[in-house]
Amino acid sequence: MPVKKRKASVVADPSEDPTRKYCLQKLEEVFQQIFLRYPHVPAAQGANGGAGGLVPKPVEQLSDEDREFVIGASKTFAAQLEQAMFDGYAERDRSGNATAAAQYK
């Protein structure tokens, strides 16, 4: 009786693939430290001609809300970077599905 091999699953979400999850976690750690060392927060209305955008702010003056914004921005950046790395370095398996293989690692 032939043994059926398990079909490889397509992983679109990094949290479902251990390799991508680990990479995303490490990127978040690195970029959180960078973003907190050089924080940029949303500009107040009317500052810089009311253009909005982000402005640098001293670390000592960060409020809890500003800190949450900076951490959220670092996580978003890390997720976008990880996705770009996966898109560029993913390899195709036998079924043609993208996987985090040797080039990605």
N, C-alpha and C. Protein backbone atom coordinates (compact mmCIF):
# COMPACT_ATOMS: atom_id res chain seq x y z
N MET A 1 0.84 -1.17 0.00
CA MET A 1 0.00 0.00 0.00
C MET A 1 0.89 1.24 0.00
N PRO A 2 0.75 2.12 -0.99
CA PRO A 2 1.61 3.31 -1.07
C PRO A 2 1.27 4.30 0.05
N VAL A 3 2.31 4.94 0.53
CA VAL A 3 2.16 5.93 1.58
C VAL A 3 2.00 7.30 0.91
N LYS A 4 0.95 8.01 1.28
CA LYS A 4 0.73 9.34 0.73
C LYS A 4 1.57 10.36 1.50
N LYS A 5 2.23 11.19 0.75
CA LYS A 5 2.99 12.26 1.38
C LYS A 5 2.07 13.43 1.64
N ARG A 6 2.35 14.13 2.73
CA ARG A 6 1.56 15.30 3.08
C ARG A 6 1.85 16.41 2.09
N LYS A 7 0.81 17.06 1.60
CA LYS A 7 0.95 18.15 0.66
C LYS A 7 1.41 19.41 1.40
N ALA A 8 2.41 20.08 0.84
CA ALA A 8 2.91 21.32 1.45
C ALA A 8 1.83 22.39 1.36
N SER A 9 1.69 23.13 2.42
CA SER A 9 0.67 24.17 2.44
C SER A 9 1.25 25.50 1.96
N VAL A 10 0.39 26.31 1.42
CA VAL A 10 0.77 27.65 1.00
C VAL A 10 0.67 28.56 2.21
N VAL A 11 1.74 29.25 2.53
CA VAL A 11 1.76 30.12 3.70
C VAL A 11 1.81 31.57 3.23
N ALA A 12 0.68 32.26 3.40
CA ALA A 12 0.62 33.66 3.01
C ALA A 12 0.90 34.58 4.19
N ASP A 13 0.63 34.09 5.40
CA ASP A 13 0.78 34.89 6.61
C ASP A 13 2.08 34.48 7.32
N PRO A 14 2.96 35.44 7.62
CA PRO A 14 4.22 35.09 8.28
C PRO A 14 4.04 34.41 9.63
N SER A 15 2.92 34.65 10.30
CA SER A 15 2.74 34.04 11.62
C SER A 15 2.47 32.54 11.53
N GLU A 16 2.19 32.02 10.34
CA GLU A 16 1.93 30.60 10.17
C GLU A 16 3.18 29.81 9.79
N ASP A 17 4.22 30.47 9.33
CA ASP A 17 5.47 29.83 8.92
C ASP A 17 6.52 30.12 9.98
N PRO A 18 7.09 29.09 10.60
CA PRO A 18 8.08 29.34 11.67
C PRO A 18 9.28 30.16 11.23
N THR A 19 9.77 29.95 10.02
CA THR A 19 10.92 30.71 9.54
C THR A 19 10.59 32.18 9.39
N ARG A 20 9.46 32.47 8.76
CA ARG A 20 9.05 33.86 8.56
C ARG A 20 8.69 34.52 9.89
N LYS A 21 8.07 33.77 10.79
CA LYS A 21 7.70 34.31 12.10
C LYS A 21 8.95 34.72 12.88
N TYR A 22 9.98 33.88 12.86
CA TYR A 22 11.23 34.17 13.55
C TYR A 22 11.89 35.42 12.95
N CYS A 23 11.94 35.48 11.62
CA CYS A 23 12.56 36.63 10.95
C CYS A 23 11.80 37.92 11.28
N LEU A 24 10.48 37.86 11.24
CA LEU A 24 9.67 39.04 11.55
C LEU A 24 9.91 39.49 12.99
N GLN A 25 9.99 38.55 13.90
CA GLN A 25 10.24 38.88 15.31
C GLN A 25 11.59 39.58 15.48
N LYS A 26 12.61 39.09 14.82
CA LYS A 26 13.94 39.71 14.93
C LYS A 26 13.95 41.11 14.29
N LEU A 27 13.28 41.25 13.16
CA LEU A 27 13.21 42.57 12.53
C LEU A 27 12.47 43.56 13.42
N GLU A 28 11.39 43.12 14.06
CA GLU A 28 10.64 44.00 14.96
C GLU A 28 11.52 44.45 16.12
N GLU A 29 12.31 43.54 16.68
CA GLU A 29 13.20 43.90 17.80
C GLU A 29 14.21 44.96 17.37
N VAL A 30 14.82 44.77 16.22
CA VAL A 30 15.85 45.69 15.74
C VAL A 30 15.25 47.07 15.45
N PHE A 31 14.15 47.09 14.69
CA PHE A 31 13.59 48.37 14.27
C PHE A 31 12.89 49.10 15.41
N GLN A 32 12.39 48.38 16.41
CA GLN A 32 11.79 49.06 17.56
C GLN A 32 12.86 49.86 18.29
N GLN A 33 14.04 49.29 18.45
CA GLN A 33 15.12 50.02 19.10
C GLN A 33 15.53 51.25 18.29
N ILE A 34 15.60 51.11 16.99
CA ILE A 34 15.99 52.23 16.13
C ILE A 34 14.92 53.32 16.17
N PHE A 35 13.65 52.93 16.01
CA PHE A 35 12.57 53.91 15.99
C PHE A 35 12.45 54.63 17.34
N LEU A 36 12.72 53.93 18.44
CA LEU A 36 12.65 54.58 19.76
C LEU A 36 13.87 55.46 20.03
N ARG A 37 14.98 55.16 19.40
CA ARG A 37 16.18 55.98 19.58
C ARG A 37 16.05 57.30 18.80
N TYR A 38 15.39 57.25 17.65
CA TYR A 38 15.20 58.43 16.80
C TYR A 38 13.71 58.60 16.49
N PRO A 39 12.91 58.93 17.50
CA PRO A 39 11.45 58.96 17.30
C PRO A 39 10.97 60.12 16.43
N HIS A 40 10.01 59.82 15.61
CA HIS A 40 9.29 60.81 14.81
C HIS A 40 7.81 60.60 15.08
N VAL A 41 7.13 61.66 15.39
CA VAL A 41 5.70 61.58 15.74
C VAL A 41 4.90 62.48 14.80
N PRO A 42 3.59 62.28 14.71
CA PRO A 42 2.78 63.14 13.84
C PRO A 42 2.88 64.60 14.28
N ALA A 43 2.98 65.47 13.29
CA ALA A 43 3.06 66.90 13.56
C ALA A 43 1.71 67.40 14.05
N ALA A 44 1.74 68.37 14.93
CA ALA A 44 0.50 68.98 15.41
C ALA A 44 -0.11 69.80 14.29
N GLN A 45 -1.42 69.95 14.32
CA GLN A 45 -2.09 70.77 13.32
C GLN A 45 -1.57 72.20 13.44
N GLY A 46 -1.22 72.79 12.35
CA GLY A 46 -0.72 74.16 12.36
C GLY A 46 0.80 74.23 12.40
N ALA A 47 1.47 73.18 12.84
CA ALA A 47 2.93 73.17 12.83
C ALA A 47 3.40 72.92 11.40
N ASN A 48 4.47 73.52 11.03
CA ASN A 48 5.03 73.40 9.68
C ASN A 48 4.01 73.79 8.61
N GLY A 49 3.25 74.81 8.88
CA GLY A 49 2.27 75.27 7.90
C GLY A 49 1.06 74.38 7.78
N GLY A 50 0.81 73.53 8.77
CA GLY A 50 -0.36 72.66 8.74
C GLY A 50 -0.22 71.50 7.78
N ALA A 51 1.01 71.20 7.36
CA ALA A 51 1.23 70.16 6.37
C ALA A 51 1.06 68.76 6.95
N GLY A 52 1.07 68.61 8.26
CA GLY A 52 0.99 67.28 8.86
C GLY A 52 2.33 66.58 8.72
N GLY A 53 2.31 65.28 8.57
CA GLY A 53 3.55 64.53 8.43
C GLY A 53 4.16 64.21 9.78
N LEU A 54 5.40 63.77 9.75
CA LEU A 54 6.11 63.38 10.96
C LEU A 54 7.22 64.38 11.28
N VAL A 55 7.41 64.61 12.56
CA VAL A 55 8.48 65.50 13.02
C VAL A 55 9.28 64.78 14.10
N PRO A 56 10.60 65.03 14.17
CA PRO A 56 11.39 64.42 15.23
C PRO A 56 11.00 64.98 16.60
N LYS A 57 11.12 64.14 17.61
CA LYS A 57 10.81 64.57 18.97
C LYS A 57 11.83 63.93 19.92
N PRO A 58 12.34 64.68 20.87
CA PRO A 58 13.30 64.10 21.82
C PRO A 58 12.69 62.93 22.60
N VAL A 59 13.50 61.94 22.85
CA VAL A 59 13.04 60.73 23.55
C VAL A 59 12.45 61.08 24.91
N GLU A 60 13.05 62.03 25.59
CA GLU A 60 12.60 62.39 26.94
C GLU A 60 11.19 62.99 26.93
N GLN A 61 10.76 63.54 25.81
CA GLN A 61 9.47 64.21 25.73
C GLN A 61 8.36 63.31 25.16
N LEU A 62 8.64 62.04 24.94
CA LEU A 62 7.62 61.15 24.38
C LEU A 62 6.53 60.85 25.40
N SER A 63 5.30 61.05 25.01
CA SER A 63 4.18 60.65 25.87
C SER A 63 3.89 59.18 25.59
N ASP A 64 3.01 58.59 26.38
CA ASP A 64 2.63 57.19 26.17
C ASP A 64 2.01 57.01 24.79
N GLU A 65 1.21 57.98 24.37
CA GLU A 65 0.57 57.92 23.06
C GLU A 65 1.61 57.98 21.94
N ASP A 66 2.60 58.87 22.10
CA ASP A 66 3.67 58.99 21.11
C ASP A 66 4.48 57.69 21.04
N ARG A 67 4.77 57.13 22.20
CA ARG A 67 5.54 55.89 22.27
C ARG A 67 4.80 54.74 21.56
N GLU A 68 3.49 54.65 21.78
CA GLU A 68 2.69 53.63 21.11
C GLU A 68 2.71 53.83 19.60
N PHE A 69 2.64 55.11 19.16
CA PHE A 69 2.69 55.40 17.73
C PHE A 69 4.01 54.95 17.14
N VAL A 70 5.12 55.25 17.81
CA VAL A 70 6.44 54.91 17.31
C VAL A 70 6.62 53.39 17.26
N ILE A 71 6.17 52.68 18.27
CA ILE A 71 6.27 51.22 18.28
C ILE A 71 5.41 50.62 17.18
N GLY A 72 4.22 51.16 16.98
CA GLY A 72 3.36 50.69 15.90
C GLY A 72 3.99 50.92 14.53
N ALA A 73 4.61 52.08 14.37
CA ALA A 73 5.28 52.39 13.10
C ALA A 73 6.45 51.43 12.86
N SER A 74 7.18 51.08 13.92
CA SER A 74 8.31 50.17 13.76
C SER A 74 7.82 48.77 13.38
N LYS A 75 6.70 48.33 13.96
CA LYS A 75 6.16 47.02 13.62
C LYS A 75 5.64 46.99 12.18
N THR A 76 5.02 48.07 11.76
CA THR A 76 4.53 48.15 10.38
C THR A 76 5.70 48.11 9.41
N PHE A 77 6.76 48.86 9.71
CA PHE A 77 7.94 48.88 8.85
C PHE A 77 8.56 47.49 8.77
N ALA A 78 8.69 46.81 9.92
CA ALA A 78 9.29 45.47 9.95
C ALA A 78 8.45 44.49 9.14
N ALA A 79 7.13 44.57 9.25
CA ALA A 79 6.25 43.67 8.50
C ALA A 79 6.37 43.92 7.00
N GLN A 80 6.44 45.18 6.60
CA GLN A 80 6.58 45.49 5.18
C GLN A 80 7.94 45.02 4.65
N LEU A 81 8.99 45.19 5.44
CA LEU A 81 10.31 44.74 5.03
C LEU A 81 10.36 43.23 4.91
N GLU A 82 9.79 42.53 5.88
CA GLU A 82 9.77 41.06 5.82
C GLU A 82 9.01 40.58 4.60
N GLN A 83 7.88 41.21 4.28
CA GLN A 83 7.09 40.82 3.11
C GLN A 83 7.89 41.07 1.83
N ALA A 84 8.60 42.18 1.76
CA ALA A 84 9.42 42.48 0.59
C ALA A 84 10.55 41.46 0.45
N MET A 85 11.16 41.07 1.56
CA MET A 85 12.21 40.05 1.54
C MET A 85 11.65 38.72 1.06
N PHE A 86 10.47 38.37 1.55
CA PHE A 86 9.85 37.11 1.14
C PHE A 86 9.52 37.15 -0.35
N ASP A 87 8.97 38.27 -0.81
CA ASP A 87 8.63 38.39 -2.23
C ASP A 87 9.88 38.27 -3.11
N GLY A 88 10.99 38.80 -2.65
CA GLY A 88 12.22 38.78 -3.44
C GLY A 88 13.01 37.49 -3.35
N TYR A 89 12.96 36.82 -2.20
CA TYR A 89 13.84 35.67 -1.99
C TYR A 89 13.11 34.34 -1.82
N ALA A 90 11.81 34.32 -1.91
CA ALA A 90 11.07 33.07 -1.78
C ALA A 90 11.39 32.16 -2.95
N GLU A 91 11.42 30.87 -2.68
CA GLU A 91 11.65 29.89 -3.73
C GLU A 91 10.37 29.11 -3.96
N ARG A 92 10.23 28.59 -5.15
CA ARG A 92 9.04 27.82 -5.50
C ARG A 92 9.26 26.35 -5.17
N ASP A 93 8.25 25.73 -4.57
CA ASP A 93 8.32 24.30 -4.30
C ASP A 93 7.83 23.54 -5.54
N ARG A 94 7.67 22.25 -5.43
CA ARG A 94 7.24 21.43 -6.57
C ARG A 94 5.88 21.84 -7.09
N SER A 95 5.04 22.33 -6.21
CA SER A 95 3.70 22.73 -6.60
C SER A 95 3.66 24.14 -7.17
N GLY A 96 4.77 24.84 -7.10
CA GLY A 96 4.81 26.21 -7.60
C GLY A 96 4.48 27.25 -6.55
N ASN A 97 4.33 26.83 -5.30
CA ASN A 97 4.01 27.76 -4.21
C ASN A 97 5.28 28.38 -3.65
N ALA A 98 5.20 29.65 -3.25
CA ALA A 98 6.36 30.33 -2.66
C ALA A 98 6.59 29.83 -1.25
N THR A 99 7.86 29.54 -0.94
CA THR A 99 8.22 29.08 0.40
C THR A 99 9.48 29.82 0.86
N ALA A 100 9.64 29.93 2.15
CA ALA A 100 10.85 30.54 2.72
C ALA A 100 11.91 29.46 2.82
N ALA A 101 12.73 29.36 1.79
CA ALA A 101 13.74 28.30 1.73
C ALA A 101 15.14 28.91 1.91
N ALA A 102 16.12 28.31 1.30
CA ALA A 102 17.53 28.69 1.52
C ALA A 102 17.84 30.14 1.18
N GLN A 103 17.35 30.64 0.05
CA GLN A 103 17.64 32.03 -0.32
C GLN A 103 17.05 33.01 0.68
N TYR A 104 15.87 32.75 1.18
CA TYR A 104 15.22 33.63 2.15
C TYR A 104 16.00 33.64 3.46
N LYS A 105 16.44 32.47 3.88
CA LYS A 105 17.13 32.36 5.17
C LYS A 105 18.45 33.07 5.10
